[in-house]
Amino acid sequence: MALLDPQQTQGKTHLYLFSQCQLVRARPSVVIQDTRRRCPCSYHPYVTTLSQRR
C-alpha cells in the first residue's frame, strides 16, 4: 500500500491510496481468471471509499 500526498496528485486536493502486487503475490488476494497472455479482459479495476475518524 502506498499513499500520495495531495501535492502529488493532479487536483492537489485529495490523498491517493493505491496498491501494487507482483503477479504471483496478487493471486491469493484477488480471485481472478488465470491467463498466460496479457489480456485486457483479465484486469479488474475497483473503487473503494475510506473514512477516517477525527
PDB file of N, CA and C in Angstrom:
ATOM      1  N   MET A   1       0.846  -1.162   0.000  1.00  0.00           N
ATOM      2  CA  MET A   1       0.000   0.000   0.000  1.00  0.00           C
ATOM      3  C   MET A   1       0.898   1.234   0.000  1.00  0.00           C
ATOM      4  N   ALA A   2       0.476   2.224  -0.748  1.00  0.00           N
ATOM      5  CA  ALA A   2       1.224   3.480  -0.800  1.00  0.00           C
ATOM      6  C   ALA A   2       0.228   4.639  -0.764  1.00  0.00           C
ATOM      7  N   LEU A   3       0.658   5.727  -0.205  1.00  0.00           N
ATOM      8  CA  LEU A   3      -0.195   6.901  -0.054  1.00  0.00           C
ATOM      9  C   LEU A   3       0.536   8.112  -0.615  1.00  0.00           C
ATOM     10  N   LEU A   4      -0.107   8.793  -1.565  1.00  0.00           N
ATOM     11  CA  LEU A   4       0.463  10.017  -2.124  1.00  0.00           C
ATOM     12  C   LEU A   4      -0.145  11.220  -1.421  1.00  0.00           C
ATOM     13  N   ASP A   5       0.663  12.213  -1.155  1.00  0.00           N
ATOM     14  CA  ASP A   5       0.186  13.474  -0.591  1.00  0.00           C
ATOM     15  C   ASP A   5      -0.645  14.213  -1.637  1.00  0.00           C
ATOM     16  N   PRO A   6      -1.550  15.091  -1.219  1.00  0.00           N
ATOM     17  CA  PRO A   6      -2.352  15.846  -2.179  1.00  0.00           C
ATOM     18  C   PRO A   6      -1.503  16.603  -3.208  1.00  0.00           C
ATOM     19  N   GLN A   7      -0.340  17.087  -2.810  1.00  0.00           N
ATOM     20  CA  GLN A   7       0.513  17.834  -3.737  1.00  0.00           C
ATOM     21  C   GLN A   7       1.018  16.951  -4.883  1.00  0.00           C
ATOM     22  N   GLN A   8       1.008  15.638  -4.699  1.00  0.00           N
ATOM     23  CA  GLN A   8       1.491  14.714  -5.722  1.00  0.00           C
ATOM     24  C   GLN A   8       0.385  14.275  -6.681  1.00  0.00           C
ATOM     25  N   THR A   9      -0.853  14.718  -6.457  1.00  0.00           N
ATOM     26  CA  THR A   9      -1.970  14.306  -7.302  1.00  0.00           C
ATOM     27  C   THR A   9      -2.336  15.411  -8.282  1.00  0.00           C
ATOM     28  N   GLN A  10      -3.143  15.057  -9.270  1.00  0.00           N
ATOM     29  CA  GLN A  10      -3.496  16.017 -10.315  1.00  0.00           C
ATOM     30  C   GLN A  10      -4.283  17.204  -9.766  1.00  0.00           C
ATOM     31  N   GLY A  11      -5.300  16.960  -8.947  1.00  0.00           N
ATOM     32  CA  GLY A  11      -6.116  18.054  -8.420  1.00  0.00           C
ATOM     33  C   GLY A  11      -5.522  18.733  -7.205  1.00  0.00           C
ATOM     34  N   LYS A  12      -4.520  18.103  -6.606  1.00  0.00           N
ATOM     35  CA  LYS A  12      -3.800  18.635  -5.444  1.00  0.00           C
ATOM     36  C   LYS A  12      -4.712  18.916  -4.244  1.00  0.00           C
ATOM     37  N   THR A  13      -5.833  18.145  -4.136  1.00  0.00           N
ATOM     38  CA  THR A  13      -6.740  18.352  -3.006  1.00  0.00           C
ATOM     39  C   THR A  13      -6.960  17.097  -2.167  1.00  0.00           C
ATOM     40  N   HIS A  14      -6.777  15.912  -2.743  1.00  0.00           N
ATOM     41  CA  HIS A  14      -7.078  14.668  -2.032  1.00  0.00           C
ATOM     42  C   HIS A  14      -5.848  13.762  -1.967  1.00  0.00           C
ATOM     43  N   LEU A  15      -5.774  12.981  -0.903  1.00  0.00           N
ATOM     44  CA  LEU A  15      -4.768  11.926  -0.818  1.00  0.00           C
ATOM     45  C   LEU A  15      -5.101  10.848  -1.843  1.00  0.00           C
ATOM     46  N   TYR A  16      -4.110  10.051  -2.251  1.00  0.00           N
ATOM     47  CA  TYR A  16      -4.340   8.965  -3.200  1.00  0.00           C
ATOM     48  C   TYR A  16      -3.699   7.710  -2.641  1.00  0.00           C
ATOM     49  N   LEU A  17      -4.512   6.709  -2.344  1.00  0.00           N
ATOM     50  CA  LEU A  17      -4.049   5.442  -1.797  1.00  0.00           C
ATOM     51  C   LEU A  17      -4.109   4.402  -2.901  1.00  0.00           C
ATOM     52  N   PHE A  18      -3.014   3.653  -3.090  1.00  0.00           N
ATOM     53  CA  PHE A  18      -3.022   2.607  -4.108  1.00  0.00           C
ATOM     54  C   PHE A  18      -2.181   1.425  -3.660  1.00  0.00           C
ATOM     55  N   SER A  19      -2.413   0.307  -4.323  1.00  0.00           N
ATOM     56  CA  SER A  19      -1.630  -0.900  -4.051  1.00  0.00           C
ATOM     57  C   SER A  19      -1.132  -1.462  -5.371  1.00  0.00           C
ATOM     58  N   GLN A  20      -0.048  -2.196  -5.299  1.00  0.00           N
ATOM     59  CA  GLN A  20       0.522  -2.812  -6.485  1.00  0.00           C
ATOM     60  C   GLN A  20       1.098  -4.151  -6.063  1.00  0.00           C
ATOM     61  N   CYS A  21       0.684  -5.206  -6.737  1.00  0.00           N
ATOM     62  CA  CYS A  21       1.146  -6.552  -6.391  1.00  0.00           C
ATOM     63  C   CYS A  21       1.920  -7.159  -7.554  1.00  0.00           C
ATOM     64  N   GLN A  22       2.907  -7.946  -7.228  1.00  0.00           N
ATOM     65  CA  GLN A  22       3.526  -8.794  -8.234  1.00  0.00           C
ATOM     66  C   GLN A  22       2.510  -9.885  -8.562  1.00  0.00           C
ATOM     67  N   LEU A  23       2.529 -10.396  -9.776  1.00  0.00           N
ATOM     68  CA  LEU A  23       1.533 -11.361 -10.218  1.00  0.00           C
ATOM     69  C   LEU A  23       1.411 -12.548  -9.266  1.00  0.00           C
ATOM     70  N   VAL A  24       2.531 -13.119  -8.879  1.00  0.00           N
ATOM     71  CA  VAL A  24       2.495 -14.310  -8.031  1.00  0.00           C
ATOM     72  C   VAL A  24       1.962 -13.990  -6.634  1.00  0.00           C
ATOM     73  N   ARG A  25       2.119 -12.764  -6.158  1.00  0.00           N
ATOM     74  CA  ARG A  25       1.628 -12.369  -4.838  1.00  0.00           C
ATOM     75  C   ARG A  25       0.165 -11.912  -4.876  1.00  0.00           C
ATOM     76  N   ALA A  26      -0.320 -11.496  -6.036  1.00  0.00           N
ATOM     77  CA  ALA A  26      -1.692 -10.993  -6.149  1.00  0.00           C
ATOM     78  C   ALA A  26      -2.718 -12.117  -6.154  1.00  0.00           C
ATOM     79  N   ARG A  27      -2.332 -13.284  -6.584  1.00  0.00           N
ATOM     80  CA  ARG A  27      -3.294 -14.379  -6.703  1.00  0.00           C
ATOM     81  C   ARG A  27      -4.032 -14.692  -5.411  1.00  0.00           C
ATOM     82  N   PRO A  28      -3.370 -14.751  -4.255  1.00  0.00           N
ATOM     83  CA  PRO A  28      -4.139 -15.040  -3.034  1.00  0.00           C
ATOM     84  C   PRO A  28      -5.042 -13.886  -2.592  1.00  0.00           C
ATOM     85  N   SER A  29      -4.747 -12.664  -3.002  1.00  0.00           N
ATOM     86  CA  SER A  29      -5.519 -11.523  -2.515  1.00  0.00           C
ATOM     87  C   SER A  29      -6.735 -11.206  -3.378  1.00  0.00           C
ATOM     88  N   VAL A  30      -6.701 -11.571  -4.660  1.00  0.00           N
ATOM     89  CA  VAL A  30      -7.815 -11.298  -5.565  1.00  0.00           C
ATOM     90  C   VAL A  30      -8.079 -12.546  -6.391  1.00  0.00           C
ATOM     91  N   VAL A  31      -9.311 -13.002  -6.401  1.00  0.00           N
ATOM     92  CA  VAL A  31      -9.661 -14.170  -7.210  1.00  0.00           C
ATOM     93  C   VAL A  31      -9.846 -13.701  -8.643  1.00  0.00           C
ATOM     94  N   ILE A  32      -8.968 -14.163  -9.536  1.00  0.00           N
ATOM     95  CA  ILE A  32      -9.039 -13.769 -10.942  1.00  0.00           C
ATOM     96  C   ILE A  32      -8.874 -14.995 -11.822  1.00  0.00           C
ATOM     97  N   GLN A  33      -9.316 -14.876 -13.063  1.00  0.00           N
ATOM     98  CA  GLN A  33      -9.127 -15.950 -14.020  1.00  0.00           C
ATOM     99  C   GLN A  33      -7.655 -15.994 -14.404  1.00  0.00           C
ATOM    100  N   ASP A  34      -7.073 -17.170 -14.359  1.00  0.00           N
ATOM    101  CA  ASP A  34      -5.663 -17.321 -14.691  1.00  0.00           C
ATOM    102  C   ASP A  34      -5.492 -17.317 -16.207  1.00  0.00           C
ATOM    103  N   THR A  35      -4.559 -16.538 -16.693  1.00  0.00           N
ATOM    104  CA  THR A  35      -4.285 -16.480 -18.118  1.00  0.00           C
ATOM    105  C   THR A  35      -2.790 -16.325 -18.334  1.00  0.00           C
ATOM    106  N   ARG A  36      -2.282 -16.886 -19.410  1.00  0.00           N
ATOM    107  CA  ARG A  36      -0.855 -16.769 -19.714  1.00  0.00           C
ATOM    108  C   ARG A  36      -0.565 -15.554 -20.578  1.00  0.00           C
ATOM    109  N   ARG A  37      -1.597 -14.980 -21.169  1.00  0.00           N
ATOM    110  CA  ARG A  37      -1.410 -13.792 -22.004  1.00  0.00           C
ATOM    111  C   ARG A  37      -1.861 -12.563 -21.249  1.00  0.00           C
ATOM    112  N   ARG A  38      -1.286 -11.426 -21.595  1.00  0.00           N
ATOM    113  CA  ARG A  38      -1.773 -10.167 -21.030  1.00  0.00           C
ATOM    114  C   ARG A  38      -3.004  -9.769 -21.827  1.00  0.00           C
ATOM    115  N   CYS A  39      -4.126  -9.958 -21.218  1.00  0.00           N
ATOM    116  CA  CYS A  39      -5.399  -9.703 -21.884  1.00  0.00           C
ATOM    117  C   CYS A  39      -6.156  -8.641 -21.093  1.00  0.00           C
ATOM    118  N   PRO A  40      -6.632  -7.578 -21.747  1.00  0.00           N
ATOM    119  CA  PRO A  40      -7.379  -6.552 -21.012  1.00  0.00           C
ATOM    120  C   PRO A  40      -8.591  -7.117 -20.271  1.00  0.00           C
ATOM    121  N   CYS A  41      -9.121  -8.243 -20.748  1.00  0.00           N
ATOM    122  CA  CYS A  41     -10.294  -8.820 -20.089  1.00  0.00           C
ATOM    123  C   CYS A  41      -9.948  -9.416 -18.731  1.00  0.00           C
ATOM    124  N   SER A  42      -8.663  -9.582 -18.421  1.00  0.00           N
ATOM    125  CA  SER A  42      -8.285 -10.183 -17.139  1.00  0.00           C
ATOM    126  C   SER A  42      -7.953  -9.133 -16.073  1.00  0.00           C
ATOM    127  N   TYR A  43      -8.027  -7.849 -16.409  1.00  0.00           N
ATOM    128  CA  TYR A  43      -7.763  -6.804 -15.425  1.00  0.00           C
ATOM    129  C   TYR A  43      -9.053  -6.458 -14.687  1.00  0.00           C
ATOM    130  N   HIS A  44      -8.954  -6.230 -13.384  1.00  0.00           N
ATOM    131  CA  HIS A  44     -10.133  -5.979 -12.568  1.00  0.00           C
ATOM    132  C   HIS A  44      -9.953  -4.712 -11.741  1.00  0.00           C
ATOM    133  N   PRO A  45     -10.185  -3.533 -12.323  1.00  0.00           N
ATOM    134  CA  PRO A  45     -10.093  -2.309 -11.519  1.00  0.00           C
ATOM    135  C   PRO A  45     -11.257  -2.249 -10.531  1.00  0.00           C
ATOM    136  N   TYR A  46     -11.059  -1.550  -9.441  1.00  0.00           N
ATOM    137  CA  TYR A  46     -12.120  -1.384  -8.454  1.00  0.00           C
ATOM    138  C   TYR A  46     -11.967  -0.042  -7.771  1.00  0.00           C
ATOM    139  N   VAL A  47     -13.047   0.396  -7.185  1.00  0.00           N
ATOM    140  CA  VAL A  47     -13.073   1.665  -6.461  1.00  0.00           C
ATOM    141  C   VAL A  47     -13.580   1.381  -5.054  1.00  0.00           C
ATOM    142  N   THR A  48     -12.985   2.025  -4.073  1.00  0.00           N
ATOM    143  CA  THR A  48     -13.416   1.862  -2.691  1.00  0.00           C
ATOM    144  C   THR A  48     -13.415   3.215  -1.994  1.00  0.00           C
ATOM    145  N   THR A  49     -14.069   3.295  -0.878  1.00  0.00           N
ATOM    146  CA  THR A  49     -14.128   4.525  -0.095  1.00  0.00           C
ATOM    147  C   THR A  49     -13.554   4.267   1.288  1.00  0.00           C
ATOM    148  N   LEU A  50     -12.673   5.131   1.737  1.00  0.00           N
ATOM    149  CA  LEU A  50     -12.095   5.044   3.074  1.00  0.00           C
ATOM    150  C   LEU A  50     -12.558   6.233   3.892  1.00  0.00           C
ATOM    151  N   SER A  51     -12.775   6.014   5.160  1.00  0.00           N
ATOM    152  CA  SER A  51     -13.125   7.126   6.037  1.00  0.00           C
ATOM    153  C   SER A  51     -12.203   7.118   7.246  1.00  0.00           C
ATOM    154  N   GLN A  52     -12.030   8.266   7.840  1.00  0.00           N
ATOM    155  CA  GLN A  52     -11.125   8.423   8.973  1.00  0.00           C
ATOM    156  C   GLN A  52     -11.844   9.184  10.073  1.00  0.00           C
ATOM    157  N   ARG A  53     -11.749   8.676  11.278  1.00  0.00           N
ATOM    158  CA  ARG A  53     -12.325   9.388  12.416  1.00  0.00           C
ATOM    159  C   ARG A  53     -11.417  10.536  12.800  1.00  0.00           C
ATOM    160  N   ARG A  54     -12.011  11.640  13.153  1.00  0.00           N
ATOM    161  CA  ARG A  54     -11.206  12.801  13.552  1.00  0.00           C
ATOM    162  C   ARG A  54     -11.311  13.036  15.016  1.00  0.00           C
TER     163      ARG A  54
END
